Amino acid sequence: MTLQELQNQALQLPISDRWQLVQSVLTSIQQETLLSISPTPSVEFITALDPWTQSLIGVIKLNADDSIESYSTTHYS
């Protein structure tokens, strides 16, 4: 089956099934991507998250001038 045939069949599915398919494919891609990175405790933590939560990983892109701390900690004055 070609990619085009698969896409055409997927578009014939009800919307709830298409969402489930998208989530499944995205989770698969994320897991394969994580496997290509050397395992660390944080990777193990990420794979234990709910697939929907995993889909949010990487949404925020850091600039070279930004630090992870600026996105992950709260500063109180």
N, C-alpha and C. Protein backbone atom coordinates (compact mmCIF):
# COMPACT_ATOMS: atom_id res chain seq x y z
N MET A 1 0.85 -1.17 0.00
CA MET A 1 0.00 0.00 0.00
C MET A 1 0.90 1.24 0.00
N THR A 2 0.58 2.21 -0.82
CA THR A 2 1.37 3.43 -0.88
C THR A 2 0.93 4.40 0.21
N LEU A 3 1.76 5.40 0.45
CA LEU A 3 1.43 6.42 1.43
C LEU A 3 0.14 7.14 1.03
N GLN A 4 0.00 7.44 -0.24
CA GLN A 4 -1.20 8.12 -0.72
C GLN A 4 -2.46 7.29 -0.48
N GLU A 5 -2.37 5.98 -0.71
CA GLU A 5 -3.52 5.09 -0.47
C GLU A 5 -3.86 5.06 1.02
N LEU A 6 -2.84 5.01 1.85
CA LEU A 6 -3.04 5.01 3.29
C LEU A 6 -3.69 6.30 3.75
N GLN A 7 -3.21 7.43 3.23
CA GLN A 7 -3.80 8.72 3.57
C GLN A 7 -5.27 8.79 3.15
N ASN A 8 -5.55 8.32 1.94
CA ASN A 8 -6.94 8.33 1.46
C ASN A 8 -7.85 7.50 2.35
N GLN A 9 -7.37 6.34 2.77
CA GLN A 9 -8.17 5.49 3.66
C GLN A 9 -8.36 6.14 5.02
N ALA A 10 -7.29 6.74 5.54
CA ALA A 10 -7.37 7.39 6.85
C ALA A 10 -8.39 8.52 6.83
N LEU A 11 -8.44 9.26 5.74
CA LEU A 11 -9.39 10.37 5.64
C LEU A 11 -10.83 9.92 5.56
N GLN A 12 -11.06 8.66 5.31
CA GLN A 12 -12.42 8.12 5.26
C GLN A 12 -12.91 7.71 6.65
N LEU A 13 -12.01 7.65 7.62
CA LEU A 13 -12.38 7.26 8.99
C LEU A 13 -13.17 8.37 9.67
N PRO A 14 -14.01 7.99 10.64
CA PRO A 14 -14.68 9.02 11.46
C PRO A 14 -13.63 9.86 12.20
N ILE A 15 -13.99 11.08 12.54
CA ILE A 15 -13.03 12.00 13.16
C ILE A 15 -12.42 11.44 14.43
N SER A 16 -13.20 10.74 15.25
CA SER A 16 -12.65 10.20 16.50
C SER A 16 -11.57 9.16 16.20
N ASP A 17 -11.78 8.35 15.17
CA ASP A 17 -10.77 7.37 14.79
C ASP A 17 -9.53 8.04 14.21
N ARG A 18 -9.73 9.13 13.47
CA ARG A 18 -8.56 9.85 12.93
C ARG A 18 -7.74 10.47 14.04
N TRP A 19 -8.40 11.03 15.07
CA TRP A 19 -7.66 11.59 16.21
C TRP A 19 -6.87 10.49 16.91
N GLN A 20 -7.49 9.33 17.09
CA GLN A 20 -6.81 8.22 17.73
C GLN A 20 -5.60 7.78 16.89
N LEU A 21 -5.76 7.76 15.58
CA LEU A 21 -4.67 7.40 14.68
C LEU A 21 -3.53 8.41 14.77
N VAL A 22 -3.86 9.69 14.77
CA VAL A 22 -2.85 10.74 14.88
C VAL A 22 -2.07 10.60 16.18
N GLN A 23 -2.79 10.39 17.27
CA GLN A 23 -2.14 10.26 18.57
C GLN A 23 -1.24 9.03 18.60
N SER A 24 -1.69 7.94 18.03
CA SER A 24 -0.90 6.72 17.99
C SER A 24 0.38 6.90 17.17
N VAL A 25 0.25 7.53 16.00
CA VAL A 25 1.43 7.76 15.15
C VAL A 25 2.39 8.72 15.83
N LEU A 26 1.88 9.78 16.43
CA LEU A 26 2.72 10.75 17.12
C LEU A 26 3.47 10.10 18.28
N THR A 27 2.79 9.29 19.06
CA THR A 27 3.42 8.59 20.17
C THR A 27 4.53 7.67 19.66
N SER A 28 4.27 6.98 18.57
CA SER A 28 5.27 6.10 17.97
C SER A 28 6.51 6.88 17.54
N ILE A 29 6.30 8.02 16.89
CA ILE A 29 7.42 8.85 16.44
C ILE A 29 8.20 9.37 17.64
N GLN A 30 7.50 9.82 18.66
CA GLN A 30 8.18 10.34 19.85
C GLN A 30 8.99 9.25 20.53
N GLN A 31 8.45 8.06 20.64
CA GLN A 31 9.18 6.97 21.29
C GLN A 31 10.41 6.59 20.50
N GLU A 32 10.29 6.54 19.17
CA GLU A 32 11.46 6.23 18.35
C GLU A 32 12.50 7.32 18.45
N THR A 33 12.06 8.57 18.52
CA THR A 33 12.97 9.69 18.67
C THR A 33 13.69 9.61 20.01
N LEU A 34 12.94 9.29 21.06
CA LEU A 34 13.55 9.19 22.39
C LEU A 34 14.53 8.03 22.45
N LEU A 35 14.26 6.95 21.74
CA LEU A 35 15.16 5.80 21.74
C LEU A 35 16.49 6.12 21.07
N SER A 36 16.49 7.10 20.16
CA SER A 36 17.73 7.45 19.47
C SER A 36 18.64 8.30 20.35
N ILE A 37 18.09 8.82 21.44
CA ILE A 37 18.86 9.59 22.41
C ILE A 37 19.35 8.63 23.48
N SER A 38 20.56 8.85 23.98
CA SER A 38 21.06 7.96 25.03
C SER A 38 20.14 8.04 26.23
N PRO A 39 19.79 6.89 26.80
CA PRO A 39 18.83 6.87 27.92
C PRO A 39 19.35 7.63 29.15
N THR A 40 18.48 8.44 29.70
CA THR A 40 18.75 9.16 30.94
C THR A 40 17.50 9.06 31.79
N PRO A 41 17.60 9.36 33.08
CA PRO A 41 16.40 9.32 33.91
C PRO A 41 15.27 10.19 33.37
N SER A 42 15.59 11.34 32.75
CA SER A 42 14.53 12.21 32.24
C SER A 42 13.81 11.56 31.06
N VAL A 43 14.53 10.79 30.23
CA VAL A 43 13.89 10.09 29.11
C VAL A 43 12.94 9.03 29.65
N GLU A 44 13.36 8.32 30.68
CA GLU A 44 12.48 7.31 31.29
C GLU A 44 11.23 7.97 31.84
N PHE A 45 11.39 9.15 32.43
CA PHE A 45 10.24 9.87 32.96
C PHE A 45 9.29 10.26 31.84
N ILE A 46 9.83 10.74 30.73
CA ILE A 46 9.00 11.18 29.61
C ILE A 46 8.20 10.03 29.04
N THR A 47 8.81 8.87 28.87
CA THR A 47 8.10 7.74 28.29
C THR A 47 7.00 7.22 29.22
N ALA A 48 7.07 7.56 30.50
CA ALA A 48 6.04 7.14 31.44
C ALA A 48 4.84 8.08 31.43
N LEU A 49 4.96 9.21 30.75
CA LEU A 49 3.85 10.17 30.70
C LEU A 49 2.73 9.67 29.79
N ASP A 50 1.55 10.19 30.02
CA ASP A 50 0.41 9.93 29.16
C ASP A 50 0.75 10.40 27.74
N PRO A 51 0.31 9.67 26.70
CA PRO A 51 0.62 10.06 25.32
C PRO A 51 0.22 11.51 24.99
N TRP A 52 -0.91 11.97 25.52
CA TRP A 52 -1.32 13.34 25.24
C TRP A 52 -0.31 14.32 25.83
N THR A 53 0.15 14.05 27.05
CA THR A 53 1.14 14.90 27.68
C THR A 53 2.45 14.85 26.90
N GLN A 54 2.83 13.67 26.43
CA GLN A 54 4.05 13.54 25.62
C GLN A 54 3.95 14.40 24.36
N SER A 55 2.74 14.54 23.82
CA SER A 55 2.58 15.31 22.59
C SER A 55 2.91 16.79 22.79
N LEU A 56 2.93 17.26 24.03
CA LEU A 56 3.25 18.65 24.31
C LEU A 56 4.75 18.90 24.38
N ILE A 57 5.53 17.84 24.48
CA ILE A 57 6.98 17.97 24.59
C ILE A 57 7.53 18.57 23.30
N GLY A 58 8.37 19.58 23.46
CA GLY A 58 8.98 20.21 22.31
C GLY A 58 8.17 21.36 21.73
N VAL A 59 7.03 21.68 22.33
CA VAL A 59 6.20 22.77 21.82
C VAL A 59 6.92 24.10 22.00
N ILE A 60 7.58 24.28 23.15
CA ILE A 60 8.33 25.50 23.40
C ILE A 60 9.75 25.29 22.88
N LYS A 61 10.17 26.17 21.99
CA LYS A 61 11.53 26.10 21.45
C LYS A 61 12.36 27.18 22.12
N LEU A 62 13.50 26.79 22.67
CA LEU A 62 14.38 27.73 23.33
C LEU A 62 15.26 28.42 22.31
N ASN A 63 15.48 29.70 22.49
CA ASN A 63 16.46 30.43 21.70
C ASN A 63 17.82 30.22 22.33
N ALA A 64 18.86 30.54 21.61
CA ALA A 64 20.22 30.38 22.14
C ALA A 64 20.42 31.21 23.41
N ASP A 65 19.72 32.36 23.49
CA ASP A 65 19.88 33.25 24.65
C ASP A 65 19.04 32.82 25.85
N ASP A 66 18.11 31.93 25.63
CA ASP A 66 17.23 31.48 26.71
C ASP A 66 17.83 30.30 27.45
N SER A 67 17.46 30.17 28.69
CA SER A 67 17.90 29.01 29.45
C SER A 67 16.68 28.17 29.81
N ILE A 68 16.89 26.91 30.06
CA ILE A 68 15.80 26.03 30.46
C ILE A 68 15.18 26.54 31.75
N GLU A 69 16.00 27.09 32.64
CA GLU A 69 15.48 27.56 33.92
C GLU A 69 14.42 28.64 33.73
N SER A 70 14.55 29.46 32.69
CA SER A 70 13.56 30.53 32.49
C SER A 70 12.18 29.98 32.15
N TYR A 71 12.12 28.74 31.67
CA TYR A 71 10.85 28.13 31.34
C TYR A 71 10.38 27.15 32.41
N SER A 72 11.26 26.71 33.27
CA SER A 72 10.90 25.62 34.17
C SER A 72 10.85 26.02 35.64
N THR A 73 11.20 27.22 35.98
CA THR A 73 11.14 27.63 37.39
C THR A 73 10.32 28.89 37.53
N THR A 74 9.78 29.07 38.68
CA THR A 74 9.01 30.26 38.99
C THR A 74 9.85 31.14 39.87
N HIS A 75 9.92 32.40 39.53
CA HIS A 75 10.72 33.36 40.32
C HIS A 75 9.76 34.25 41.09
N TYR A 76 9.97 34.32 42.39
CA TYR A 76 9.14 35.17 43.23
C TYR A 76 9.96 36.36 43.67
N SER A 77 9.36 37.53 43.62
CA SER A 77 10.07 38.74 44.04
C SER A 77 9.70 39.09 45.45
